[in-house]
C-alpha atoms as a PDB file:
ATOM      1  CA  MET A   1      -0.025   0.112  -0.099  1.00  0.00           C
ATOM      2  CA  PHE A   2       1.528   3.465  -0.983  1.00  0.00           C
ATOM      3  CA  ASN A   3       1.772   6.335   1.355  1.00  0.00           C
ATOM      4  CA  ARG A   4      -1.238   8.237  -0.291  1.00  0.00           C
ATOM      5  CA  ILE A   5       1.253  11.194  -0.307  1.00  0.00           C
ATOM      6  CA  LYS A   6      -0.286  14.756   0.237  1.00  0.00           C
ATOM      7  CA  THR A   7       0.657  17.327  -2.325  1.00  0.00           C
ATOM      8  CA  ILE A   8       0.520  21.012  -1.373  1.00  0.00           C
ATOM      9  CA  PHE A   9       0.919  23.755  -4.367  1.00  0.00           C
ATOM     10  CA  TRP A  10       2.260  26.797  -2.656  1.00  0.00           C
ATOM     11  CA  TRP A  11       1.971  29.216  -5.453  1.00  0.00           C
ATOM     12  CA  ASP A  12       2.175  32.509  -3.885  1.00  0.00           C
ATOM     13  CA  ILE A  13       4.633  32.413  -1.078  1.00  0.00           C
ATOM     14  CA  SER A  14       3.934  36.233  -0.208  1.00  0.00           C
ATOM     15  CA  LYS A  15       0.962  34.982   1.420  1.00  0.00           C
ATOM     16  CA  GLU A  16       0.810  32.340   4.200  1.00  0.00           C
ATOM     17  CA  SER A  17      -0.203  28.714   3.343  1.00  0.00           C
ATOM     18  CA  LYS A  18      -2.520  27.397   5.904  1.00  0.00           C
ATOM     19  CA  GLU A  19      -1.863  23.867   4.511  1.00  0.00           C
ATOM     20  CA  ALA A  20       1.643  24.041   4.610  1.00  0.00           C
ATOM     21  CA  GLU A  21       1.643  25.685   7.956  1.00  0.00           C
ATOM     22  CA  GLU A  22      -0.816  22.889   9.546  1.00  0.00           C
ATOM     23  CA  LYS A  23       0.959  19.965   7.814  1.00  0.00           C
ATOM     24  CA  ILE A  24       4.606  20.886   7.490  1.00  0.00           C
ATOM     25  CA  LYS A  25       5.804  23.699   9.644  1.00  0.00           C
ATOM     26  CA  ASN A  26       7.912  22.749  12.802  1.00  0.00           C
ATOM     27  CA  SER A  27       7.509  19.266  12.329  1.00  0.00           C
ATOM     28  CA  SER A  28       9.277  17.933   9.153  1.00  0.00           C
ATOM     29  CA  VAL A  29      12.437  17.026   7.505  1.00  0.00           C
ATOM     30  CA  ILE A  30      12.769  18.373   3.980  1.00  0.00           C
ATOM     31  CA  CYS A  31      14.393  17.014   0.950  1.00  0.00           C
ATOM     32  CA  ILE A  32      15.041  19.657  -1.483  1.00  0.00           C
ATOM     33  CA  GLY A  33      15.590  19.415  -5.349  1.00  0.00           C
ATOM     34  CA  ASN A  34      14.048  19.196  -8.682  1.00  0.00           C
ATOM     35  CA  PHE A  35      13.995  15.207  -8.589  1.00  0.00           C
ATOM     36  CA  ASP A  36      13.329  15.075 -12.302  1.00  0.00           C
ATOM     37  CA  GLY A  37      13.496  11.382 -13.000  1.00  0.00           C
ATOM     38  CA  VAL A  38      13.797  10.404  -9.341  1.00  0.00           C
ATOM     39  CA  HIS A  39      16.955   8.559 -10.281  1.00  0.00           C
ATOM     40  CA  ALA A  40      19.356   6.760  -7.681  1.00  0.00           C
ATOM     41  CA  GLY A  41      21.048  10.008  -6.514  1.00  0.00           C
ATOM     42  CA  HIS A  42      17.424  11.380  -5.702  1.00  0.00           C
ATOM     43  CA  GLN A  43      16.622   8.294  -3.981  1.00  0.00           C
ATOM     44  CA  GLU A  44      19.612   8.411  -1.888  1.00  0.00           C
ATOM     45  CA  VAL A  45      18.829  11.883  -0.793  1.00  0.00           C
ATOM     46  CA  ILE A  46      15.248  10.830   0.212  1.00  0.00           C
ATOM     47  CA  LYS A  47      16.571   7.784   1.993  1.00  0.00           C
ATOM     48  CA  VAL A  48      19.012   9.856   4.131  1.00  0.00           C
ATOM     49  CA  GLY A  49      15.959  12.335   4.670  1.00  0.00           C
ATOM     50  CA  LYS A  50      13.785   9.541   5.859  1.00  0.00           C
ATOM     51  CA  GLU A  51      16.510   8.528   8.283  1.00  0.00           C
ATOM     52  CA  ILE A  52      16.713  11.946   9.709  1.00  0.00           C
ATOM     53  CA  ALA A  53      12.824  11.832  10.047  1.00  0.00           C
ATOM     54  CA  GLU A  54      12.767   8.416  11.696  1.00  0.00           C
ATOM     55  CA  SER A  55      15.301   9.433  14.282  1.00  0.00           C
ATOM     56  CA  LYS A  56      13.309  12.818  14.953  1.00  0.00           C
ATOM     57  CA  LYS A  57       9.790  11.039  14.850  1.00  0.00           C
ATOM     58  CA  SER A  58       8.911  13.482  12.119  1.00  0.00           C
ATOM     59  CA  LYS A  59       7.168  13.786   8.768  1.00  0.00           C
ATOM     60  CA  LEU A  60       9.308  13.532   5.584  1.00  0.00           C
ATOM     61  CA  CYS A  61       8.546  16.337   3.019  1.00  0.00           C
ATOM     62  CA  ILE A  62       9.939  16.655  -0.561  1.00  0.00           C
ATOM     63  CA  LEU A  63      10.392  20.275  -1.450  1.00  0.00           C
ATOM     64  CA  THR A  64      10.387  21.094  -5.133  1.00  0.00           C
ATOM     65  CA  PHE A  65       9.723  23.521  -7.630  1.00  0.00           C
ATOM     66  CA  LEU A  66       7.498  24.486 -10.879  1.00  0.00           C
ATOM     67  CA  PRO A  67       8.471  25.071 -13.632  1.00  0.00           C
ATOM     68  CA  HIS A  68      11.766  23.379 -13.648  1.00  0.00           C
ATOM     69  CA  PRO A  69      14.562  25.999 -13.449  1.00  0.00           C
ATOM     70  CA  ARG A  70      16.260  24.708 -16.632  1.00  0.00           C
ATOM     71  CA  PHE A  71      13.029  25.865 -18.533  1.00  0.00           C
ATOM     72  CA  ILE A  72      13.809  29.438 -17.352  1.00  0.00           C
ATOM     73  CA  PHE A  73      17.601  29.614 -17.445  1.00  0.00           C
ATOM     74  CA  ARG A  74      18.730  27.111 -20.201  1.00  0.00           C
ATOM     75  CA  PRO A  75      15.719  25.698 -22.113  1.00  0.00           C
ATOM     76  CA  GLU A  76      17.548  24.919 -25.145  1.00  0.00           C
ATOM     77  CA  ASP A  77      17.988  20.884 -25.882  1.00  0.00           C
ATOM     78  CA  PHE A  78      15.990  20.236 -22.464  1.00  0.00           C
ATOM     79  CA  PHE A  79      12.964  18.094 -21.742  1.00  0.00           C
ATOM     80  CA  ILE A  80      11.156  16.863 -18.619  1.00  0.00           C
ATOM     81  CA  LEU A  81      11.805  13.333 -17.775  1.00  0.00           C
ATOM     82  CA  THR A  82       9.097  12.971 -15.395  1.00  0.00           C
ATOM     83  CA  PRO A  83       5.884  15.214 -15.426  1.00  0.00           C
ATOM     84  CA  ILE A  84       4.834  16.361 -12.245  1.00  0.00           C
ATOM     85  CA  LYS A  85       2.149  13.464 -11.746  1.00  0.00           C
ATOM     86  CA  GLU A  86       4.579  10.771 -12.728  1.00  0.00           C
ATOM     87  CA  LYS A  87       7.023  12.424 -10.343  1.00  0.00           C
ATOM     88  CA  ILE A  88       4.486  12.345  -7.292  1.00  0.00           C
ATOM     89  CA  LYS A  89       3.811   8.697  -8.200  1.00  0.00           C
ATOM     90  CA  ARG A  90       7.400   7.655  -8.206  1.00  0.00           C
ATOM     91  CA  ILE A  91       8.091   9.606  -4.887  1.00  0.00           C
ATOM     92  CA  GLU A  92       5.096   8.003  -3.253  1.00  0.00           C
ATOM     93  CA  LYS A  93       6.615   4.735  -3.512  1.00  0.00           C
ATOM     94  CA  LEU A  94       9.682   5.921  -1.398  1.00  0.00           C
ATOM     95  CA  GLY A  95       7.592   6.460   1.705  1.00  0.00           C
ATOM     96  CA  VAL A  96       7.442  10.270   1.523  1.00  0.00           C
ATOM     97  CA  ASP A  97       4.726  11.998   3.593  1.00  0.00           C
ATOM     98  CA  TYR A  98       4.202  15.274   1.661  1.00  0.00           C
ATOM     99  CA  ILE A  99       5.335  17.070  -1.384  1.00  0.00           C
ATOM    100  CA  LEU A 100       5.464  20.980  -1.145  1.00  0.00           C
ATOM    101  CA  ILE A 101       5.849  22.458  -4.574  1.00  0.00           C
ATOM    102  CA  LEU A 102       6.988  26.179  -4.958  1.00  0.00           C
ATOM    103  CA  ASN A 103       6.613  28.645  -7.739  1.00  0.00           C
ATOM    104  CA  PHE A 104      10.210  28.804  -8.996  1.00  0.00           C
ATOM    105  CA  PHE A 105       9.584  32.454 -10.252  1.00  0.00           C
ATOM    106  CA  GLN A 106       9.016  33.479  -6.669  1.00  0.00           C
ATOM    107  CA  VAL A 107      12.377  32.218  -5.217  1.00  0.00           C
ATOM    108  CA  LYS A 108      14.568  32.485  -8.193  1.00  0.00           C
ATOM    109  CA  ASP A 109      15.961  36.116  -7.446  1.00  0.00           C
ATOM    110  CA  MET A 110      16.207  35.367  -3.713  1.00  0.00           C
ATOM    111  CA  SER A 111      19.653  35.670  -2.443  1.00  0.00           C
ATOM    112  CA  PRO A 112      21.002  32.225  -0.967  1.00  0.00           C
ATOM    113  CA  TYR A 113      20.685  34.010   2.532  1.00  0.00           C
ATOM    114  CA  ASP A 114      17.048  34.961   1.932  1.00  0.00           C
ATOM    115  CA  PHE A 115      16.068  31.672   0.646  1.00  0.00           C
ATOM    116  CA  CYS A 116      17.494  30.137   3.747  1.00  0.00           C
ATOM    117  CA  LEU A 117      15.562  32.468   5.821  1.00  0.00           C
ATOM    118  CA  PHE A 118      12.440  31.699   3.943  1.00  0.00           C
ATOM    119  CA  LEU A 119      12.955  27.962   4.703  1.00  0.00           C
ATOM    120  CA  LYS A 120      13.496  28.895   8.190  1.00  0.00           C
ATOM    121  CA  ASP A 121      10.536  31.373   8.725  1.00  0.00           C
ATOM    122  CA  LYS A 122       7.954  29.715   6.455  1.00  0.00           C
ATOM    123  CA  ILE A 123       8.627  25.908   6.972  1.00  0.00           C
ATOM    124  CA  ALA A 124      11.024  25.524   9.912  1.00  0.00           C
ATOM    125  CA  PRO A 125      12.298  22.272   9.306  1.00  0.00           C
ATOM    126  CA  CYS A 126      13.904  19.996  11.870  1.00  0.00           C
ATOM    127  CA  GLY A 127      16.069  18.452   9.346  1.00  0.00           C
ATOM    128  CA  ILE A 128      17.371  18.970   5.692  1.00  0.00           C
ATOM    129  CA  SER A 129      18.675  16.367   3.141  1.00  0.00           C
ATOM    130  CA  VAL A 130      20.175  17.827  -0.059  1.00  0.00           C
ATOM    131  CA  GLY A 131      22.779  16.341  -2.808  1.00  0.00           C
ATOM    132  CA  ALA A 132      26.018  17.428  -2.873  1.00  0.00           C
ATOM    133  CA  ASP A 133      25.399  19.373  -6.280  1.00  0.00           C
ATOM    134  CA  PHE A 134      22.377  21.101  -4.995  1.00  0.00           C
ATOM    135  CA  SER A 135      22.375  24.913  -5.704  1.00  0.00           C
ATOM    136  CA  PHE A 136      19.945  27.761  -4.783  1.00  0.00           C
ATOM    137  CA  GLY A 137      19.482  31.648  -4.809  1.00  0.00           C
ATOM    138  CA  LYS A 138      20.120  33.959  -7.325  1.00  0.00           C
ATOM    139  CA  ASP A 139      22.448  32.883 -10.000  1.00  0.00           C
ATOM    140  CA  ALA A 140      22.623  29.285  -8.120  1.00  0.00           C
ATOM    141  CA  LYS A 141      25.195  30.910  -5.826  1.00  0.00           C
ATOM    142  CA  GLY A 142      24.043  29.173  -2.723  1.00  0.00           C
ATOM    143  CA  LYS A 143      25.505  25.715  -2.087  1.00  0.00           C
ATOM    144  CA  PRO A 144      24.817  22.897   0.266  1.00  0.00           C
ATOM    145  CA  GLU A 145      27.387  24.195   2.688  1.00  0.00           C
ATOM    146  CA  ASP A 146      25.707  27.443   3.046  1.00  0.00           C
ATOM    147  CA  LEU A 147      22.640  25.554   4.064  1.00  0.00           C
ATOM    148  CA  LYS A 148      24.379  23.755   6.618  1.00  0.00           C
ATOM    149  CA  LYS A 149      26.216  26.974   8.076  1.00  0.00           C
ATOM    150  CA  PHE A 150      22.863  28.928   8.043  1.00  0.00           C
ATOM    151  CA  PHE A 151      20.859  26.192   9.858  1.00  0.00           C
ATOM    152  CA  SER A 152      23.625  25.105  12.321  1.00  0.00           C
ATOM    153  CA  ASN A 153      22.847  28.144  14.147  1.00  0.00           C
ATOM    154  CA  PHE A 154      19.210  26.703  14.958  1.00  0.00           C
ATOM    155  CA  GLY A 155      20.071  23.215  15.624  1.00  0.00           C
ATOM    156  CA  VAL A 156      18.682  21.908  12.199  1.00  0.00           C
ATOM    157  CA  ASP A 157      20.343  18.732  10.923  1.00  0.00           C
ATOM    158  CA  VAL A 158      21.608  19.230   7.569  1.00  0.00           C
ATOM    159  CA  LYS A 159      22.872  16.278   5.757  1.00  0.00           C
ATOM    160  CA  ILE A 160      24.782  16.701   2.329  1.00  0.00           C
ATOM    161  CA  VAL A 161      24.673  13.353   0.373  1.00  0.00           C
ATOM    162  CA  PRO A 162      27.547  12.477  -1.646  1.00  0.00           C
ATOM    163  CA  LEU A 163      26.937  12.057  -5.469  1.00  0.00           C
ATOM    164  CA  LEU A 164      26.626   8.728  -7.227  1.00  0.00           C
ATOM    165  CA  PHE A 165      28.458   7.955 -10.261  1.00  0.00           C
ATOM    166  CA  SER A 166      27.825   5.363 -13.173  1.00  0.00           C
ATOM    167  CA  ASP A 167      30.325   2.453 -14.055  1.00  0.00           C
ATOM    168  CA  ASP A 168      31.946   4.768 -16.484  1.00  0.00           C
ATOM    169  CA  GLU A 169      32.175   7.407 -13.948  1.00  0.00           C
ATOM    170  CA  LYS A 170      29.989   9.874 -14.819  1.00  0.00           C
ATOM    171  CA  LYS A 171      27.796  11.772 -12.412  1.00  0.00           C
ATOM    172  CA  ILE A 172      24.251  10.340 -12.101  1.00  0.00           C
ATOM    173  CA  SER A 173      21.931  13.125 -12.779  1.00  0.00           C
ATOM    174  CA  SER A 174      18.957  14.353 -14.363  1.00  0.00           C
ATOM    175  CA  SER A 175      20.962  15.659 -17.291  1.00  0.00           C
ATOM    176  CA  PHE A 176      22.874  12.325 -17.399  1.00  0.00           C
ATOM    177  CA  LEU A 177      19.538  10.454 -17.777  1.00  0.00           C
ATOM    178  CA  ARG A 178      18.499  12.957 -20.607  1.00  0.00           C
ATOM    179  CA  ASN A 179      21.473  12.026 -22.636  1.00  0.00           C
ATOM    180  CA  LEU A 180      20.816   8.345 -22.162  1.00  0.00           C
ATOM    181  CA  ILE A 181      17.271   8.854 -23.652  1.00  0.00           C
ATOM    182  CA  LYS A 182      18.871  10.977 -26.636  1.00  0.00           C
ATOM    183  CA  GLU A 183      21.201   8.101 -27.353  1.00  0.00           C
ATOM    184  CA  GLY A 184      18.607   5.489 -27.141  1.00  0.00           C
ATOM    185  CA  LYS A 185      19.943   3.728 -24.076  1.00  0.00           C
ATOM    186  CA  VAL A 186      16.637   3.113 -22.511  1.00  0.00           C
ATOM    187  CA  ARG A 187      17.637   0.065 -20.709  1.00  0.00           C
ATOM    188  CA  GLU A 188      20.339   1.910 -18.907  1.00  0.00           C
ATOM    189  CA  PHE A 189      17.806   4.478 -17.762  1.00  0.00           C
ATOM    190  CA  LYS A 190      15.885   1.760 -16.312  1.00  0.00           C
ATOM    191  CA  ASN A 191      18.952   0.622 -14.378  1.00  0.00           C
ATOM    192  CA  TYR A 192      19.626   4.053 -12.759  1.00  0.00           C
ATOM    193  CA  THR A 193      15.773   5.020 -11.981  1.00  0.00           C
ATOM    194  CA  GLY A 194      14.216   1.705 -11.346  1.00  0.00           C
ATOM    195  CA  SER A 195      11.718   2.606 -13.916  1.00  0.00           C
ATOM    196  CA  PHE A 196      11.289   2.623 -17.629  1.00  0.00           C
ATOM    197  CA  TYR A 197      11.187   5.814 -19.662  1.00  0.00           C
ATOM    198  CA  SER A 198       7.727   6.373 -20.897  1.00  0.00           C
ATOM    199  CA  VAL A 199       5.719   8.776 -23.079  1.00  0.00           C
ATOM    200  CA  LYS A 200       1.969   9.354 -23.074  1.00  0.00           C
ATOM    201  CA  GLY A 201      -0.027  10.337 -26.150  1.00  0.00           C
ATOM    202  CA  CYS A 202      -3.048   9.599 -28.288  1.00  0.00           C
ATOM    203  CA  VAL A 203      -3.681   6.998 -30.869  1.00  0.00           C
ATOM    204  CA  VAL A 204      -4.416   8.646 -34.230  1.00  0.00           C
ATOM    205  CA  LYS A 205      -5.272   7.947 -37.592  1.00  0.00           C
ATOM    206  CA  GLY A 206      -2.204   6.636 -39.930  1.00  0.00           C
ATOM    207  CA  GLU A 207      -1.789   5.769 -43.394  1.00  0.00           C
ATOM    208  CA  GLY A 208      -2.326   2.030 -42.920  1.00  0.00           C
ATOM    209  CA  ARG A 209       0.820   0.929 -44.264  1.00  0.00           C
ATOM    210  CA  GLY A 210       1.445  -1.435 -41.197  1.00  0.00           C
ATOM    211  CA  LYS A 211      -1.903  -2.949 -41.475  1.00  0.00           C
ATOM    212  CA  SER A 212      -1.034  -3.840 -45.349  1.00  0.00           C
ATOM    213  CA  LEU A 213       2.181  -5.389 -43.942  1.00  0.00           C
ATOM    214  CA  GLY A 214       0.463  -7.629 -41.775  1.00  0.00           C
ATOM    215  CA  PHE A 215       1.592  -5.504 -38.733  1.00  0.00           C
ATOM    216  CA  PRO A 216      -1.239  -3.131 -37.870  1.00  0.00           C
ATOM    217  CA  THR A 217       0.443  -0.144 -35.905  1.00  0.00           C
ATOM    218  CA  ALA A 218      -1.114   2.358 -33.435  1.00  0.00           C
ATOM    219  CA  ASN A 219       0.277   5.718 -34.419  1.00  0.00           C
ATOM    220  CA  ILE A 220       0.618   8.215 -31.511  1.00  0.00           C
ATOM    221  CA  SER A 221       0.474  11.892 -31.369  1.00  0.00           C
ATOM    222  CA  THR A 222       2.575  13.039 -27.987  1.00  0.00           C
ATOM    223  CA  THR A 223       4.215  16.066 -26.850  1.00  0.00           C
ATOM    224  CA  TYR A 224       6.561  14.094 -25.023  1.00  0.00           C
ATOM    225  CA  PHE A 225      10.296  13.827 -25.840  1.00  0.00           C
ATOM    226  CA  LEU A 226      11.145  10.758 -28.013  1.00  0.00           C
ATOM    227  CA  PRO A 227      14.073   8.897 -27.776  1.00  0.00           C
ATOM    228  CA  GLN A 228      16.747   8.280 -30.394  1.00  0.00           C
ATOM    229  CA  ASP A 229      15.435   7.115 -33.818  1.00  0.00           C
ATOM    230  CA  GLY A 230      15.095   3.235 -33.810  1.00  0.00           C
ATOM    231  CA  VAL A 231      12.993  -0.020 -33.271  1.00  0.00           C
ATOM    232  CA  TYR A 232      12.355  -0.702 -29.567  1.00  0.00           C
ATOM    233  CA  ALA A 233      10.937  -3.468 -27.517  1.00  0.00           C
ATOM    234  CA  CYS A 234       8.272  -1.742 -25.406  1.00  0.00           C
ATOM    235  CA  PHE A 235       5.220  -2.328 -23.039  1.00  0.00           C
ATOM    236  CA  VAL A 236       2.251  -0.496 -23.948  1.00  0.00           C
ATOM    237  CA  LYS A 237      -0.515   0.514 -21.574  1.00  0.00           C
ATOM    238  CA  LEU A 238      -4.105   1.169 -23.123  1.00  0.00           C
ATOM    239  CA  ASP A 239      -6.502   3.200 -21.012  1.00  0.00           C
ATOM    240  CA  SER A 240      -8.387   0.764 -18.817  1.00  0.00           C
ATOM    241  CA  LEU A 241      -7.504  -2.287 -20.845  1.00  0.00           C
ATOM    242  CA  GLY A 242      -4.143  -2.789 -19.097  1.00  0.00           C
ATOM    243  CA  PHE A 243      -0.539  -3.797 -20.365  1.00  0.00           C
ATOM    244  CA  PHE A 244       0.385  -5.224 -23.413  1.00  0.00           C
ATOM    245  CA  LYS A 245       3.796  -6.122 -25.192  1.00  0.00           C
ATOM    246  CA  GLY A 246       4.824  -4.164 -28.054  1.00  0.00           C
ATOM    247  CA  VAL A 247       7.309  -3.334 -30.745  1.00  0.00           C
ATOM    248  CA  CYS A 248       7.527   0.398 -31.581  1.00  0.00           C
ATOM    249  CA  ASN A 249       9.286   2.386 -34.245  1.00  0.00           C
ATOM    250  CA  VAL A 250      10.639   6.009 -33.297  1.00  0.00           C
ATOM    251  CA  GLY A 251      11.492   8.306 -36.382  1.00  0.00           C
ATOM    252  CA  PRO A 252      11.068   8.655 -39.968  1.00  0.00           C
ATOM    253  CA  LYS A 253       9.717   5.982 -42.462  1.00  0.00           C
ATOM    254  CA  PRO A 254      12.557   6.006 -45.155  1.00  0.00           C
ATOM    255  CA  THR A 255      11.252   2.933 -47.002  1.00  0.00           C
ATOM    256  CA  PHE A 256       8.228   4.810 -47.860  1.00  0.00           C
ATOM    257  CA  GLY A 257       9.754   8.274 -48.258  1.00  0.00           C
ATOM    258  CA  SER A 258       8.509   9.792 -45.143  1.00  0.00           C
ATOM    259  CA  SER A 259      10.795  12.260 -42.978  1.00  0.00           C
ATOM    260  CA  GLY A 260      10.043  13.587 -39.602  1.00  0.00           C
ATOM    261  CA  LYS A 261       9.694  11.960 -36.328  1.00  0.00           C
ATOM    262  CA  PHE A 262       6.908   9.306 -35.657  1.00  0.00           C
ATOM    263  CA  LEU A 263       5.827   6.973 -32.969  1.00  0.00           C
ATOM    264  CA  GLU A 264       3.977   3.907 -34.035  1.00  0.00           C
ATOM    265  CA  VAL A 265       3.631   0.691 -31.912  1.00  0.00           C
ATOM    266  CA  PHE A 266       2.730  -2.945 -33.081  1.00  0.00           C
ATOM    267  CA  ILE A 267       0.866  -4.106 -30.108  1.00  0.00           C
ATOM    268  CA  LEU A 268       1.394  -7.946 -29.642  1.00  0.00           C
ATOM    269  CA  ASP A 269      -1.628 -10.317 -29.276  1.00  0.00           C
ATOM    270  CA  PHE A 270      -3.994  -7.463 -29.654  1.00  0.00           C
ATOM    271  CA  GLU A 271      -6.953  -6.638 -31.821  1.00  0.00           C
ATOM    272  CA  GLY A 272      -9.439  -3.741 -31.469  1.00  0.00           C
ATOM    273  CA  ASN A 273     -10.121  -0.081 -32.742  1.00  0.00           C
ATOM    274  CA  ILE A 274      -8.236   2.101 -30.391  1.00  0.00           C
ATOM    275  CA  TYR A 275      -8.353   5.247 -32.478  1.00  0.00           C
ATOM    276  CA  LEU A 276      -8.369   8.325 -29.938  1.00  0.00           C
ATOM    277  CA  ARG A 277      -7.641   6.304 -26.956  1.00  0.00           C
ATOM    278  CA  SER A 278      -4.938   7.272 -24.453  1.00  0.00           C
ATOM    279  CA  ILE A 279      -1.898   5.314 -24.512  1.00  0.00           C
ATOM    280  CA  GLU A 280       1.411   5.130 -22.752  1.00  0.00           C
ATOM    281  CA  VAL A 281       4.576   3.498 -24.148  1.00  0.00           C
ATOM    282  CA  PHE A 282       7.384   2.149 -21.861  1.00  0.00           C
ATOM    283  CA  PHE A 283      10.707   1.840 -23.788  1.00  0.00           C
ATOM    284  CA  VAL A 284      12.444  -1.364 -22.706  1.00  0.00           C
ATOM    285  CA  LYS A 285      15.481  -1.746 -24.915  1.00  0.00           C
ATOM    286  CA  LYS A 286      16.389  -0.675 -28.442  1.00  0.00           C
ATOM    287  CA  ILE A 287      16.581  -3.404 -30.924  1.00  0.00           C
ATOM    288  CA  ARG A 288      17.810  -1.573 -34.045  1.00  0.00           C
ATOM    289  CA  ASP A 289      18.364   1.654 -35.822  1.00  0.00           C
ATOM    290  CA  VAL A 290      15.941   2.721 -38.391  1.00  0.00           C
ATOM    291  CA  PHE A 291      17.055   1.686 -42.053  1.00  0.00           C
ATOM    292  CA  LYS A 292      15.589   2.201 -45.506  1.00  0.00           C
ATOM    293  CA  PHE A 293      14.589  -1.198 -47.074  1.00  0.00           C
ATOM    294  CA  SER A 294      14.788  -1.840 -50.937  1.00  0.00           C
ATOM    295  CA  SER A 295      11.007  -3.202 -50.760  1.00  0.00           C
ATOM    296  CA  ALA A 296       8.059  -3.433 -48.549  1.00  0.00           C
ATOM    297  CA  GLU A 297       8.514  -7.274 -48.630  1.00  0.00           C
ATOM    298  CA  GLU A 298      12.117  -6.809 -47.165  1.00  0.00           C
ATOM    299  CA  LEU A 299      10.698  -4.543 -44.644  1.00  0.00           C
ATOM    300  CA  LYS A 300       7.964  -6.965 -43.652  1.00  0.00           C
ATOM    301  CA  GLU A 301      10.485  -9.736 -43.057  1.00  0.00           C
ATOM    302  CA  LYS A 302      12.693  -7.542 -40.861  1.00  0.00           C
ATOM    303  CA  ILE A 303       9.556  -6.733 -38.800  1.00  0.00           C
ATOM    304  CA  LYS A 304       8.869 -10.149 -38.182  1.00  0.00           C
ATOM    305  CA  LYS A 305      12.341 -10.567 -36.863  1.00  0.00           C
ATOM    306  CA  ASP A 306      11.931  -7.406 -34.666  1.00  0.00           C
ATOM    307  CA  VAL A 307       8.941  -8.911 -33.237  1.00  0.00           C
ATOM    308  CA  GLN A 308      10.786 -12.259 -32.206  1.00  0.00           C
ATOM    309  CA  ILE A 309      13.668 -10.495 -30.716  1.00  0.00           C
ATOM    310  CA  ALA A 310      10.958  -8.268 -28.820  1.00  0.00           C
ATOM    311  CA  GLN A 311       9.121 -11.172 -27.413  1.00  0.00           C
ATOM    312  CA  GLN A 312      12.395 -12.643 -26.191  1.00  0.00           C
ATOM    313  CA  ILE A 313      13.227  -9.463 -24.362  1.00  0.00           C
ATOM    314  CA  LEU A 314       9.779  -8.712 -22.777  1.00  0.00           C
ATOM    315  CA  SER A 315       9.404 -12.399 -21.807  1.00  0.00           C
ATOM    316  CA  GLN A 316      11.991 -11.896 -19.174  1.00  0.00           C
ATOM    317  CA  ILE A 317      10.185  -8.902 -17.547  1.00  0.00           C
ATOM    318  CA  THR A 318       6.651  -8.952 -15.956  1.00  0.00           C
ATOM    319  CA  PHE A 319       4.095  -6.389 -15.705  1.00  0.00           C
ATOM    320  CA  THR A 320       4.819  -5.739 -12.185  1.00  0.00           C
ATOM    321  CA  GLU A 321       8.274  -4.462 -12.937  1.00  0.00           C
ATOM    322  CA  ILE A 322       6.774  -1.636 -15.149  1.00  0.00           C
END
């Protein structure tokens, strides 16, 4: 049973938040950050926060921000890994009591000292957990040691959690995860987050070429960031119909002269009209790159092999692992 986490949006910090006052102030340990992707590093920050909370018999609260600071300061080549609803869902599994979401526009120009003062006066935490690369305040000048120094005057336990690194010694961060998606390394993404990268969208009318090849595909319209072009083994969630295995193609359709970036899925062992239904695609592993074939028949034979490979990959995973 999940924690049934309580989410509090504090959109105007110039006004008191009765809900934050009642639920969080004077009684919580806070973990501060953006937590996009809820990766292993984030999970360690939350784990340390939970240890502090248990020692103090207090509640555990995640303090995060909307919009993501990168959208404001460095929006180029950026995308969100976990939209807020998905982020809440993943954090809920980690045993957190509350999520407090602040309007980033209202704190971005605070000096590091003023931000610390805001935390002390408005939230009054009994403990704080942050990653070693956390920064805050105007121009991101505030560092974890500044938090520790400020709150040491008030007896607040501040833990700075060391960074985690990948096998090739890269810092595990949200930026690291975005690069994995851009490179089509969706299996590695799962290794560092515990969850498959997924995109949500709506099934729309396609050109019917997949059906003519014997592999009818669901063509998906989505605003989510798509991984590197290629063919992937995937799981698919269809509205209330549940989960299915699938093979999806991301990118152009060079055999038929179609450029652009498309997402289409062949759903294994499924028949039915799903036009305009909501769909979520979970990318499990990249099978191959996108190629231009000399004929539709050659493409058909390749798709048969793709399906066989996908079945082998997906048979080793249960739906409960999604």
